[in-house]
C-alpha atoms as a PDB file:
ATOM      1  CA  UNK A   1     -11.575  23.454 -10.537  1.00  0.00           C
ATOM      2  CA  UNK A   2     -12.279  23.105 -14.235  1.00  0.00           C
ATOM      3  CA  UNK A   3     -11.585  19.790 -15.942  1.00  0.00           C
ATOM      4  CA  UNK A   4     -11.053  18.689 -19.535  1.00  0.00           C
ATOM      5  CA  UNK A   5     -14.777  18.043 -19.973  1.00  0.00           C
ATOM      6  CA  UNK A   6     -15.571  21.658 -19.067  1.00  0.00           C
ATOM      7  CA  UNK A   7     -13.074  22.875 -21.659  1.00  0.00           C
ATOM      8  CA  UNK A   8     -14.502  20.567 -24.330  1.00  0.00           C
ATOM      9  CA  UNK A   9     -18.059  21.694 -23.566  1.00  0.00           C
ATOM     10  CA  UNK A  10     -17.209  25.410 -23.719  1.00  0.00           C
ATOM     11  CA  UNK A  11     -15.186  25.018 -26.935  1.00  0.00           C
ATOM     12  CA  UNK A  12     -17.819  22.702 -28.438  1.00  0.00           C
ATOM     13  CA  UNK A  13     -15.264  19.989 -29.261  1.00  0.00           C
ATOM     14  CA  UNK A  14     -14.443  16.493 -28.005  1.00  0.00           C
ATOM     15  CA  UNK A  15     -12.098  15.832 -25.097  1.00  0.00           C
ATOM     16  CA  UNK A  16      -9.772  14.128 -27.584  1.00  0.00           C
ATOM     17  CA  UNK A  17      -9.495  17.376 -29.514  1.00  0.00           C
ATOM     18  CA  UNK A  18      -8.700  19.275 -26.315  1.00  0.00           C
ATOM     19  CA  UNK A  19      -5.900  16.776 -25.594  1.00  0.00           C
ATOM     20  CA  UNK A  20      -4.511  17.194 -29.102  1.00  0.00           C
ATOM     21  CA  UNK A  21      -4.432  20.966 -28.775  1.00  0.00           C
ATOM     22  CA  UNK A  22      -2.768  20.890 -25.354  1.00  0.00           C
ATOM     23  CA  UNK A  23      -0.109  18.433 -26.533  1.00  0.00           C
ATOM     24  CA  UNK A  24       0.452  20.483 -29.710  1.00  0.00           C
ATOM     25  CA  UNK A  25      -0.541  17.599 -31.956  1.00  0.00           C
ATOM     26  CA  UNK A  26      -0.808  18.601 -35.655  1.00  0.00           C
ATOM     27  CA  UNK A  27      -3.895  18.288 -37.842  1.00  0.00           C
ATOM     28  CA  UNK A  28      -6.096  20.510 -35.682  1.00  0.00           C
ATOM     29  CA  UNK A  29      -7.448  23.532 -37.516  1.00  0.00           C
ATOM     30  CA  UNK A  30      -6.364  27.008 -36.468  1.00  0.00           C
ATOM     31  CA  UNK A  31      -9.956  28.009 -35.662  1.00  0.00           C
ATOM     32  CA  UNK A  32     -10.512  24.947 -33.455  1.00  0.00           C
ATOM     33  CA  UNK A  33      -7.207  25.440 -31.695  1.00  0.00           C
ATOM     34  CA  UNK A  34      -8.066  29.063 -30.928  1.00  0.00           C
ATOM     35  CA  UNK A  35     -11.487  28.047 -29.498  1.00  0.00           C
ATOM     36  CA  UNK A  36      -9.887  25.461 -27.233  1.00  0.00           C
ATOM     37  CA  UNK A  37      -7.166  27.807 -26.003  1.00  0.00           C
ATOM     38  CA  UNK A  38      -9.723  30.541 -25.346  1.00  0.00           C
ATOM     39  CA  UNK A  39     -11.782  28.083 -23.290  1.00  0.00           C
ATOM     40  CA  UNK A  40      -8.643  27.127 -21.360  1.00  0.00           C
ATOM     41  CA  UNK A  41      -7.993  30.779 -20.578  1.00  0.00           C
ATOM     42  CA  UNK A  42     -11.573  31.503 -19.534  1.00  0.00           C
ATOM     43  CA  UNK A  43     -11.737  28.478 -17.243  1.00  0.00           C
ATOM     44  CA  UNK A  44      -8.166  28.859 -15.955  1.00  0.00           C
ATOM     45  CA  UNK A  45      -7.740  25.184 -16.740  1.00  0.00           C
ATOM     46  CA  UNK A  46      -4.505  23.352 -15.899  1.00  0.00           C
ATOM     47  CA  UNK A  47      -4.199  19.774 -17.155  1.00  0.00           C
ATOM     48  CA  UNK A  48      -3.338  17.214 -14.502  1.00  0.00           C
ATOM     49  CA  UNK A  49       0.085  15.639 -14.444  1.00  0.00           C
ATOM     50  CA  UNK A  50      -1.444  12.266 -15.205  1.00  0.00           C
ATOM     51  CA  UNK A  51      -3.291  13.594 -18.240  1.00  0.00           C
ATOM     52  CA  UNK A  52      -0.227  15.366 -19.536  1.00  0.00           C
ATOM     53  CA  UNK A  53       1.793  12.196 -19.053  1.00  0.00           C
ATOM     54  CA  UNK A  54      -0.618  10.196 -21.187  1.00  0.00           C
ATOM     55  CA  UNK A  55      -0.208  12.553 -24.117  1.00  0.00           C
ATOM     56  CA  UNK A  56       3.567  12.930 -24.176  1.00  0.00           C
ATOM     57  CA  UNK A  57       4.893  10.066 -22.041  1.00  0.00           C
ATOM     58  CA  UNK A  58       6.135  12.380 -19.298  1.00  0.00           C
ATOM     59  CA  UNK A  59       5.178  12.638 -15.647  1.00  0.00           C
ATOM     60  CA  UNK A  60       6.535  16.159 -15.066  1.00  0.00           C
ATOM     61  CA  UNK A  61       8.177  14.957 -11.873  1.00  0.00           C
ATOM     62  CA  UNK A  62      11.894  14.927 -11.055  1.00  0.00           C
ATOM     63  CA  UNK A  63      13.368  12.715  -8.379  1.00  0.00           C
ATOM     64  CA  UNK A  64      15.747  14.409  -5.939  1.00  0.00           C
ATOM     65  CA  UNK A  65      17.687  11.717  -4.101  1.00  0.00           C
ATOM     66  CA  UNK A  66      19.567  12.638  -0.932  1.00  0.00           C
ATOM     67  CA  UNK A  67      21.230   9.701   0.872  1.00  0.00           C
ATOM     68  CA  UNK A  68      20.919  11.327   4.292  1.00  0.00           C
ATOM     69  CA  UNK A  69      18.147  11.016   6.829  1.00  0.00           C
ATOM     70  CA  UNK A  70      15.682  13.891   7.384  1.00  0.00           C
ATOM     71  CA  UNK A  71      17.247  14.928  10.709  1.00  0.00           C
ATOM     72  CA  UNK A  72      20.531  15.571   8.909  1.00  0.00           C
ATOM     73  CA  UNK A  73      19.055  17.221   5.823  1.00  0.00           C
ATOM     74  CA  UNK A  74      16.845  19.756   7.574  1.00  0.00           C
ATOM     75  CA  UNK A  75      19.657  20.994   9.804  1.00  0.00           C
ATOM     76  CA  UNK A  76      22.103  21.498   6.922  1.00  0.00           C
ATOM     77  CA  UNK A  77      21.668  25.039   5.529  1.00  0.00           C
ATOM     78  CA  UNK A  78      24.094  24.447   2.651  1.00  0.00           C
ATOM     79  CA  UNK A  79      22.169  21.412   1.410  1.00  0.00           C
ATOM     80  CA  UNK A  80      18.867  23.251   1.765  1.00  0.00           C
ATOM     81  CA  UNK A  81      20.241  25.981  -0.507  1.00  0.00           C
ATOM     82  CA  UNK A  82      21.100  23.332  -3.111  1.00  0.00           C
ATOM     83  CA  UNK A  83      17.516  22.078  -2.931  1.00  0.00           C
ATOM     84  CA  UNK A  84      16.248  25.644  -3.364  1.00  0.00           C
ATOM     85  CA  UNK A  85      18.181  25.912  -6.615  1.00  0.00           C
ATOM     86  CA  UNK A  86      16.710  22.636  -7.874  1.00  0.00           C
ATOM     87  CA  UNK A  87      13.164  23.574  -6.875  1.00  0.00           C
ATOM     88  CA  UNK A  88      13.317  27.052  -8.425  1.00  0.00           C
ATOM     89  CA  UNK A  89      14.439  25.606 -11.755  1.00  0.00           C
ATOM     90  CA  UNK A  90      11.846  22.837 -11.638  1.00  0.00           C
ATOM     91  CA  UNK A  91       9.175  25.460 -10.973  1.00  0.00           C
ATOM     92  CA  UNK A  92      10.317  27.494 -13.961  1.00  0.00           C
ATOM     93  CA  UNK A  93       9.882  24.372 -16.109  1.00  0.00           C
ATOM     94  CA  UNK A  94       6.460  23.503 -14.646  1.00  0.00           C
ATOM     95  CA  UNK A  95       7.829  20.386 -12.928  1.00  0.00           C
ATOM     96  CA  UNK A  96       7.354  19.004  -9.427  1.00  0.00           C
ATOM     97  CA  UNK A  97      10.059  17.514  -7.199  1.00  0.00           C
ATOM     98  CA  UNK A  98       9.805  14.136  -5.508  1.00  0.00           C
ATOM     99  CA  UNK A  99      12.233  14.240  -2.576  1.00  0.00           C
ATOM    100  CA  UNK A 100      13.614  10.887  -1.462  1.00  0.00           C
ATOM    101  CA  UNK A 101      15.754  10.630   1.668  1.00  0.00           C
ATOM    102  CA  UNK A 102      17.443   7.699   3.326  1.00  0.00           C
ATOM    103  CA  UNK A 103      16.549   6.068   6.601  1.00  0.00           C
ATOM    104  CA  UNK A 104      19.148   6.125   9.356  1.00  0.00           C
ATOM    105  CA  UNK A 105      20.428   2.593   8.760  1.00  0.00           C
ATOM    106  CA  UNK A 106      20.540   2.311   4.952  1.00  0.00           C
ATOM    107  CA  UNK A 107      21.537   5.149   2.641  1.00  0.00           C
ATOM    108  CA  UNK A 108      20.644   2.953  -0.369  1.00  0.00           C
ATOM    109  CA  UNK A 109      16.995   3.309   0.645  1.00  0.00           C
ATOM    110  CA  UNK A 110      16.863   6.827  -0.803  1.00  0.00           C
ATOM    111  CA  UNK A 111      17.499   5.350  -4.254  1.00  0.00           C
ATOM    112  CA  UNK A 112      15.335   2.248  -4.027  1.00  0.00           C
ATOM    113  CA  UNK A 113      12.387   4.230  -2.688  1.00  0.00           C
ATOM    114  CA  UNK A 114      12.331   6.668  -5.591  1.00  0.00           C
ATOM    115  CA  UNK A 115      12.678   3.801  -8.057  1.00  0.00           C
ATOM    116  CA  UNK A 116       9.656   2.049  -6.579  1.00  0.00           C
ATOM    117  CA  UNK A 117       7.438   4.944  -7.588  1.00  0.00           C
ATOM    118  CA  UNK A 118       8.112   4.286 -11.289  1.00  0.00           C
ATOM    119  CA  UNK A 119       6.972   7.819 -11.852  1.00  0.00           C
ATOM    120  CA  UNK A 120       9.830  10.208 -12.548  1.00  0.00           C
ATOM    121  CA  UNK A 121      11.252  11.587 -15.774  1.00  0.00           C
ATOM    122  CA  UNK A 122      14.779  11.842 -14.381  1.00  0.00           C
ATOM    123  CA  UNK A 123      16.718  12.232 -11.162  1.00  0.00           C
ATOM    124  CA  UNK A 124      19.214  14.464  -9.409  1.00  0.00           C
ATOM    125  CA  UNK A 125      21.345  12.597  -6.903  1.00  0.00           C
ATOM    126  CA  UNK A 126      23.444  14.177  -4.171  1.00  0.00           C
ATOM    127  CA  UNK A 127      26.622  12.103  -4.165  1.00  0.00           C
ATOM    128  CA  UNK A 128      28.348  11.437  -0.876  1.00  0.00           C
ATOM    129  CA  UNK A 129      29.279   7.793  -0.606  1.00  0.00           C
ATOM    130  CA  UNK A 130      32.416   6.204  -1.949  1.00  0.00           C
ATOM    131  CA  UNK A 131      32.690   3.336  -4.388  1.00  0.00           C
ATOM    132  CA  UNK A 132      30.082   2.274  -6.935  1.00  0.00           C
ATOM    133  CA  UNK A 133      27.244   4.526  -5.905  1.00  0.00           C
ATOM    134  CA  UNK A 134      23.659   3.299  -5.620  1.00  0.00           C
ATOM    135  CA  UNK A 135      22.855   5.854  -8.331  1.00  0.00           C
ATOM    136  CA  UNK A 136      23.707   3.108 -10.797  1.00  0.00           C
ATOM    137  CA  UNK A 137      20.308   1.651  -9.889  1.00  0.00           C
ATOM    138  CA  UNK A 138      18.763   4.635 -11.651  1.00  0.00           C
ATOM    139  CA  UNK A 139      21.155   4.406 -14.598  1.00  0.00           C
ATOM    140  CA  UNK A 140      20.265   0.749 -15.113  1.00  0.00           C
ATOM    141  CA  UNK A 141      16.619   1.775 -15.510  1.00  0.00           C
ATOM    142  CA  UNK A 142      17.577   4.155 -18.313  1.00  0.00           C
ATOM    143  CA  UNK A 143      16.613   7.230 -16.305  1.00  0.00           C
ATOM    144  CA  UNK A 144      18.442  10.475 -17.061  1.00  0.00           C
ATOM    145  CA  UNK A 145      20.507  11.406 -14.009  1.00  0.00           C
ATOM    146  CA  UNK A 146      22.649  14.344 -12.935  1.00  0.00           C
ATOM    147  CA  UNK A 147      24.877  14.180  -9.864  1.00  0.00           C
ATOM    148  CA  UNK A 148      25.569  17.005  -7.451  1.00  0.00           C
ATOM    149  CA  UNK A 149      29.009  16.085  -6.215  1.00  0.00           C
ATOM    150  CA  UNK A 150      31.574  13.601  -7.448  1.00  0.00           C
ATOM    151  CA  UNK A 151      29.997  10.849  -9.489  1.00  0.00           C
ATOM    152  CA  UNK A 152      31.550   7.459  -8.751  1.00  0.00           C
ATOM    153  CA  UNK A 153      34.541   9.175  -7.230  1.00  0.00           C
ATOM    154  CA  UNK A 154      36.003  11.498  -9.859  1.00  0.00           C
ATOM    155  CA  UNK A 155      34.137  10.275 -12.956  1.00  0.00           C
ATOM    156  CA  UNK A 156      33.998  13.470 -15.055  1.00  0.00           C
ATOM    157  CA  UNK A 157      30.518  13.171 -16.609  1.00  0.00           C
ATOM    158  CA  UNK A 158      26.991  14.314 -15.789  1.00  0.00           C
ATOM    159  CA  UNK A 159      27.883  15.994 -12.516  1.00  0.00           C
ATOM    160  CA  UNK A 160      28.016  19.458 -10.990  1.00  0.00           C
ATOM    161  CA  UNK A 161      30.085  20.521  -8.013  1.00  0.00           C
ATOM    162  CA  UNK A 162      32.050  23.414  -6.550  1.00  0.00           C
ATOM    163  CA  UNK A 163      35.803  23.775  -6.922  1.00  0.00           C
ATOM    164  CA  UNK A 164      36.593  22.081  -3.618  1.00  0.00           C
ATOM    165  CA  UNK A 165      40.315  21.872  -4.323  1.00  0.00           C
ATOM    166  CA  UNK A 166      40.645  25.583  -5.065  1.00  0.00           C
ATOM    167  CA  UNK A 167      38.523  26.554  -2.091  1.00  0.00           C
ATOM    168  CA  UNK A 168      40.644  24.642   0.414  1.00  0.00           C
ATOM    169  CA  UNK A 169      43.826  25.854  -1.247  1.00  0.00           C
ATOM    170  CA  UNK A 170      42.746  29.498  -0.926  1.00  0.00           C
ATOM    171  CA  UNK A 171      41.635  29.000   2.692  1.00  0.00           C
ATOM    172  CA  UNK A 172      44.970  27.598   3.848  1.00  0.00           C
ATOM    173  CA  UNK A 173      46.973  29.989   1.666  1.00  0.00           C
ATOM    174  CA  UNK A 174      45.153  32.876   3.366  1.00  0.00           C
ATOM    175  CA  UNK A 175      46.231  31.577   6.781  1.00  0.00           C
ATOM    176  CA  UNK A 176      49.823  31.129   5.619  1.00  0.00           C
ATOM    177  CA  UNK A 177      49.918  34.677   4.248  1.00  0.00           C
ATOM    178  CA  UNK A 178      48.870  35.882   7.707  1.00  0.00           C
ATOM    179  CA  UNK A 179      52.011  34.293   9.114  1.00  0.00           C
ATOM    180  CA  UNK A 180      50.547  31.075  10.502  1.00  0.00           C
ATOM    181  CA  UNK A 181      52.673  27.942  10.314  1.00  0.00           C
ATOM    182  CA  UNK A 182      50.915  25.641  12.785  1.00  0.00           C
ATOM    183  CA  UNK A 183      47.679  25.046  10.904  1.00  0.00           C
ATOM    184  CA  UNK A 184      45.096  22.477  11.914  1.00  0.00           C
ATOM    185  CA  UNK A 185      42.356  20.951   9.759  1.00  0.00           C
ATOM    186  CA  UNK A 186      38.915  19.635  10.713  1.00  0.00           C
ATOM    187  CA  UNK A 187      38.070  17.270   7.874  1.00  0.00           C
ATOM    188  CA  UNK A 188      34.663  15.930   6.977  1.00  0.00           C
ATOM    189  CA  UNK A 189      33.495  12.317   7.093  1.00  0.00           C
ATOM    190  CA  UNK A 190      35.414   9.791   5.032  1.00  0.00           C
ATOM    191  CA  UNK A 191      32.297   8.691   3.131  1.00  0.00           C
ATOM    192  CA  UNK A 192      32.052  12.086   1.420  1.00  0.00           C
ATOM    193  CA  UNK A 193      34.373  10.818  -1.242  1.00  0.00           C
ATOM    194  CA  UNK A 194      35.570  13.343  -3.794  1.00  0.00           C
ATOM    195  CA  UNK A 195      34.763  16.586  -2.017  1.00  0.00           C
ATOM    196  CA  UNK A 196      36.746  15.764   1.128  1.00  0.00           C
ATOM    197  CA  UNK A 197      39.619  14.303  -0.854  1.00  0.00           C
ATOM    198  CA  UNK A 198      39.822  17.408  -3.012  1.00  0.00           C
ATOM    199  CA  UNK A 199      39.627  19.791  -0.052  1.00  0.00           C
ATOM    200  CA  UNK A 200      42.359  17.899   1.765  1.00  0.00           C
ATOM    201  CA  UNK A 201      44.486  17.886  -1.386  1.00  0.00           C
ATOM    202  CA  UNK A 202      44.025  21.638  -1.776  1.00  0.00           C
ATOM    203  CA  UNK A 203      45.023  22.270   1.834  1.00  0.00           C
ATOM    204  CA  UNK A 204      48.117  20.092   1.529  1.00  0.00           C
ATOM    205  CA  UNK A 205      49.172  21.783  -1.703  1.00  0.00           C
ATOM    206  CA  UNK A 206      49.036  25.221  -0.091  1.00  0.00           C
ATOM    207  CA  UNK A 207      51.138  23.946   2.801  1.00  0.00           C
ATOM    208  CA  UNK A 208      53.714  22.301   0.526  1.00  0.00           C
ATOM    209  CA  UNK A 209      54.113  25.453  -1.544  1.00  0.00           C
ATOM    210  CA  UNK A 210      55.077  27.239   1.671  1.00  0.00           C
ATOM    211  CA  UNK A 211      57.538  24.533   2.641  1.00  0.00           C
ATOM    212  CA  UNK A 212      55.175  23.122   5.287  1.00  0.00           C
ATOM    213  CA  UNK A 213      53.466  19.804   5.927  1.00  0.00           C
ATOM    214  CA  UNK A 214      50.186  18.935   7.590  1.00  0.00           C
ATOM    215  CA  UNK A 215      51.010  17.681  11.076  1.00  0.00           C
ATOM    216  CA  UNK A 216      49.024  14.426  11.609  1.00  0.00           C
ATOM    217  CA  UNK A 217      48.323  15.584  15.165  1.00  0.00           C
ATOM    218  CA  UNK A 218      46.631  18.659  13.709  1.00  0.00           C
ATOM    219  CA  UNK A 219      44.202  16.671  11.521  1.00  0.00           C
ATOM    220  CA  UNK A 220      40.877  15.633  13.029  1.00  0.00           C
ATOM    221  CA  UNK A 221      37.460  14.640  11.714  1.00  0.00           C
ATOM    222  CA  UNK A 222      33.810  15.587  12.068  1.00  0.00           C
ATOM    223  CA  UNK A 223      30.564  14.760  10.273  1.00  0.00           C
ATOM    224  CA  UNK A 224      29.740  18.334   9.177  1.00  0.00           C
ATOM    225  CA  UNK A 225      27.485  18.970  12.198  1.00  0.00           C
ATOM    226  CA  UNK A 226      28.102  21.703  14.770  1.00  0.00           C
ATOM    227  CA  UNK A 227      28.451  19.196  17.581  1.00  0.00           C
ATOM    228  CA  UNK A 228      31.082  17.217  15.684  1.00  0.00           C
ATOM    229  CA  UNK A 229      33.106  20.411  15.251  1.00  0.00           C
ATOM    230  CA  UNK A 230      32.900  20.987  18.985  1.00  0.00           C
ATOM    231  CA  UNK A 231      34.127  17.469  19.726  1.00  0.00           C
ATOM    232  CA  UNK A 232      36.842  17.530  17.034  1.00  0.00           C
ATOM    233  CA  UNK A 233      38.204  20.785  18.435  1.00  0.00           C
ATOM    234  CA  UNK A 234      39.172  19.053  21.697  1.00  0.00           C
ATOM    235  CA  UNK A 235      42.066  17.319  19.962  1.00  0.00           C
ATOM    236  CA  UNK A 236      43.239  20.589  18.414  1.00  0.00           C
ATOM    237  CA  UNK A 237      42.694  23.086  21.215  1.00  0.00           C
ATOM    238  CA  UNK A 238      43.215  21.175  24.444  1.00  0.00           C
ATOM    239  CA  UNK A 239      46.940  20.569  23.935  1.00  0.00           C
ATOM    240  CA  UNK A 240      49.950  22.626  24.938  1.00  0.00           C
ATOM    241  CA  UNK A 241      51.353  23.086  21.434  1.00  0.00           C
ATOM    242  CA  UNK A 242      48.066  23.837  19.697  1.00  0.00           C
ATOM    243  CA  UNK A 243      47.607  25.223  16.164  1.00  0.00           C
ATOM    244  CA  UNK A 244      47.468  28.988  15.789  1.00  0.00           C
ATOM    245  CA  UNK A 245      45.010  28.665  12.895  1.00  0.00           C
ATOM    246  CA  UNK A 246      42.453  26.087  11.775  1.00  0.00           C
ATOM    247  CA  UNK A 247      40.724  25.323   8.487  1.00  0.00           C
ATOM    248  CA  UNK A 248      37.312  23.696   8.984  1.00  0.00           C
ATOM    249  CA  UNK A 249      35.833  21.926   5.972  1.00  0.00           C
ATOM    250  CA  UNK A 250      32.434  23.440   6.632  1.00  0.00           C
ATOM    251  CA  UNK A 251      30.986  26.384   8.521  1.00  0.00           C
ATOM    252  CA  UNK A 252      28.880  24.386  10.962  1.00  0.00           C
ATOM    253  CA  UNK A 253      31.904  22.518  12.311  1.00  0.00           C
ATOM    254  CA  UNK A 254      33.676  25.880  12.533  1.00  0.00           C
ATOM    255  CA  UNK A 255      30.909  27.256  14.769  1.00  0.00           C
ATOM    256  CA  UNK A 256      31.264  24.214  17.023  1.00  0.00           C
ATOM    257  CA  UNK A 257      34.972  24.914  17.320  1.00  0.00           C
ATOM    258  CA  UNK A 258      34.286  28.561  18.140  1.00  0.00           C
ATOM    259  CA  UNK A 259      32.061  27.483  21.027  1.00  0.00           C
ATOM    260  CA  UNK A 260      34.799  25.289  22.489  1.00  0.00           C
ATOM    261  CA  UNK A 261      37.403  28.018  21.987  1.00  0.00           C
ATOM    262  CA  UNK A 262      35.287  30.448  24.008  1.00  0.00           C
ATOM    263  CA  UNK A 263      34.921  27.884  26.793  1.00  0.00           C
ATOM    264  CA  UNK A 264      38.727  27.599  26.921  1.00  0.00           C
ATOM    265  CA  UNK A 265      39.132  31.372  27.112  1.00  0.00           C
ATOM    266  CA  UNK A 266      40.566  31.702  23.600  1.00  0.00           C
ATOM    267  CA  UNK A 267      39.679  34.822  21.639  1.00  0.00           C
ATOM    268  CA  UNK A 268      39.255  34.836  17.858  1.00  0.00           C
ATOM    269  CA  UNK A 269      41.210  36.069  16.012  1.00  0.00           C
ATOM    270  CA  UNK A 270      43.724  37.214  18.673  1.00  0.00           C
ATOM    271  CA  UNK A 271      44.528  33.726  19.962  1.00  0.00           C
ATOM    272  CA  UNK A 272      43.280  31.643  17.040  1.00  0.00           C
ATOM    273  CA  UNK A 273      42.396  32.243  13.384  1.00  0.00           C
ATOM    274  CA  UNK A 274      39.635  30.190  11.785  1.00  0.00           C
ATOM    275  CA  UNK A 275      38.422  29.655   8.210  1.00  0.00           C
ATOM    276  CA  UNK A 276      35.278  27.732   7.274  1.00  0.00           C
ATOM    277  CA  UNK A 277      33.756  26.505   4.014  1.00  0.00           C
ATOM    278  CA  UNK A 278      30.258  27.136   2.510  1.00  0.00           C
ATOM    279  CA  UNK A 279      29.387  30.697   3.630  1.00  0.00           C
ATOM    280  CA  UNK A 280      26.060  29.825   5.208  1.00  0.00           C
ATOM    281  CA  UNK A 281      23.968  32.755   6.493  1.00  0.00           C
ATOM    282  CA  UNK A 282      25.098  32.103  10.079  1.00  0.00           C
ATOM    283  CA  UNK A 283      28.678  32.978   9.084  1.00  0.00           C
ATOM    284  CA  UNK A 284      27.830  36.691   9.122  1.00  0.00           C
ATOM    285  CA  UNK A 285      25.866  36.575  12.385  1.00  0.00           C
ATOM    286  CA  UNK A 286      28.349  34.965  14.763  1.00  0.00           C
ATOM    287  CA  UNK A 287      30.965  36.950  16.674  1.00  0.00           C
ATOM    288  CA  UNK A 288      33.419  37.383  15.146  1.00  0.00           C
ATOM    289  CA  UNK A 289      31.962  36.907  11.658  1.00  0.00           C
ATOM    290  CA  UNK A 290      33.506  33.875  10.004  1.00  0.00           C
ATOM    291  CA  UNK A 291      36.112  34.036   7.262  1.00  0.00           C
ATOM    292  CA  UNK A 292      35.039  31.310   4.874  1.00  0.00           C
ATOM    293  CA  UNK A 293      34.988  29.926   1.355  1.00  0.00           C
ATOM    294  CA  UNK A 294      31.777  30.844  -0.419  1.00  0.00           C
ATOM    295  CA  UNK A 295      30.481  28.072  -2.633  1.00  0.00           C
ATOM    296  CA  UNK A 296      27.495  28.703  -4.935  1.00  0.00           C
ATOM    297  CA  UNK A 297      25.045  26.285  -3.325  1.00  0.00           C
ATOM    298  CA  UNK A 298      21.871  27.552  -5.004  1.00  0.00           C
ATOM    299  CA  UNK A 299      23.710  27.657  -8.321  1.00  0.00           C
ATOM    300  CA  UNK A 300      24.731  24.008  -7.943  1.00  0.00           C
ATOM    301  CA  UNK A 301      21.082  23.030  -7.703  1.00  0.00           C
ATOM    302  CA  UNK A 302      20.054  25.320 -10.541  1.00  0.00           C
ATOM    303  CA  UNK A 303      22.742  24.094 -12.927  1.00  0.00           C
ATOM    304  CA  UNK A 304      22.091  20.434 -12.067  1.00  0.00           C
ATOM    305  CA  UNK A 305      18.368  20.813 -12.775  1.00  0.00           C
ATOM    306  CA  UNK A 306      19.014  22.764 -15.981  1.00  0.00           C
ATOM    307  CA  UNK A 307      21.345  20.040 -17.279  1.00  0.00           C
ATOM    308  CA  UNK A 308      18.831  17.345 -16.332  1.00  0.00           C
ATOM    309  CA  UNK A 309      16.139  19.086 -18.373  1.00  0.00           C
ATOM    310  CA  UNK A 310      18.525  19.062 -21.330  1.00  0.00           C
ATOM    311  CA  UNK A 311      18.949  15.308 -20.934  1.00  0.00           C
ATOM    312  CA  UNK A 312      15.181  14.797 -20.688  1.00  0.00           C
ATOM    313  CA  UNK A 313      13.918  17.219 -23.309  1.00  0.00           C
ATOM    314  CA  UNK A 314      16.734  17.161 -25.847  1.00  0.00           C
ATOM    315  CA  UNK A 315      17.712  13.529 -25.522  1.00  0.00           C
ATOM    316  CA  UNK A 316      21.328  14.307 -24.707  1.00  0.00           C
ATOM    317  CA  UNK A 317      23.354  11.465 -23.208  1.00  0.00           C
ATOM    318  CA  UNK A 318      26.302  12.981 -21.370  1.00  0.00           C
ATOM    319  CA  UNK A 319      27.950  16.263 -20.520  1.00  0.00           C
ATOM    320  CA  UNK A 320      31.334  16.982 -18.992  1.00  0.00           C
ATOM    321  CA  UNK A 321      31.416  17.732 -15.283  1.00  0.00           C
ATOM    322  CA  UNK A 322      30.716  21.378 -14.475  1.00  0.00           C
ATOM    323  CA  UNK A 323      32.962  22.840 -11.772  1.00  0.00           C
ATOM    324  CA  UNK A 324      31.614  26.048 -10.254  1.00  0.00           C
ATOM    325  CA  UNK A 325      34.022  28.699  -8.900  1.00  0.00           C
ATOM    326  CA  UNK A 326      34.368  29.495  -5.196  1.00  0.00           C
ATOM    327  CA  UNK A 327      35.483  32.661  -3.410  1.00  0.00           C
ATOM    328  CA  UNK A 328      37.421  33.451  -0.257  1.00  0.00           C
ATOM    329  CA  UNK A 329      35.379  35.790   1.951  1.00  0.00           C
ATOM    330  CA  UNK A 330      37.567  37.459   4.580  1.00  0.00           C
ATOM    331  CA  UNK A 331      35.820  38.484   7.791  1.00  0.00           C
ATOM    332  CA  UNK A 332      36.760  38.890  11.416  1.00  0.00           C
ATOM    333  CA  UNK A 333      37.784  35.365  12.428  1.00  0.00           C
ATOM    334  CA  UNK A 334      41.262  35.572  10.863  1.00  0.00           C
ATOM    335  CA  UNK A 335      44.155  37.914  11.597  1.00  0.00           C
ATOM    336  CA  UNK A 336      47.900  38.134  11.293  1.00  0.00           C
ATOM    337  CA  UNK A 337      49.727  35.862  13.709  1.00  0.00           C
ATOM    338  CA  UNK A 338      50.516  37.547  16.979  1.00  0.00           C
ATOM    339  CA  UNK A 339      54.248  36.828  17.563  1.00  0.00           C
ATOM    340  CA  UNK A 340      53.702  36.944  21.305  1.00  0.00           C
END
């Protein structure tokens, strides 16, 4: 691979002049600049991140902080789509991504580890935990930061998330319009503050508008994994007066419930209607295909990265939270209530 010395030799200039041209420093003649750029083209030279950082005080690296352990992250298709959106945008801006994940016992470690590098221009944090988030560690260092999720609860600045309230509202409203009145909910983990609260609020609003209430016996919890959906479904399905329809706060838990329903001899949607949330690729492959709320996962990552580049490159301080629209996708797992 060519280096800066090769470029300087071919252009017959000093390495300092090459650096000035590449960093667009003024006071370099047009003729000299053209010679340097022609040498760069001929040699297919790409300046190293370290060299670029010396000239403009940037590292060309973004931190992506996810306070979940690797086993969780790499089995979550929705979160992987968010990362794809971040990575695509970083690529378009000639940046690299430094991914920092938590260990199993301390979610703060995802934040402290990326800080220890001392080598990022800004960070995107995936917010899940309630209270004063560890992301403040990054803020205290003066690093530009954009949150995917609900920043410090519902703080409406520098964050990007889907319209969780509207999505849950539309999911439960769809079930009500099909004639269902006994509607169960598989909620997510309590530490996903913001998103879970908003989805539960949306579900309850749809019920109240129909003159219904959420039966506490029909509310159960999972951790967004398939297995947790399977276990949570025991409380909902293995009772005499079970719900006729269920809203699951993500698609993976919904697939776990579908497995348990099959084991109990229940057929979807004849005996039970089911709506998920996310619209992961598996939702179209299972039988029956899953009715779900489509959230723009890749777009969340793309928008978050785009806004972070604005903070880094344009020196902006804050922007109002961006709420991305969701869409109800009706497939084969829901049907009108069978009066029998």
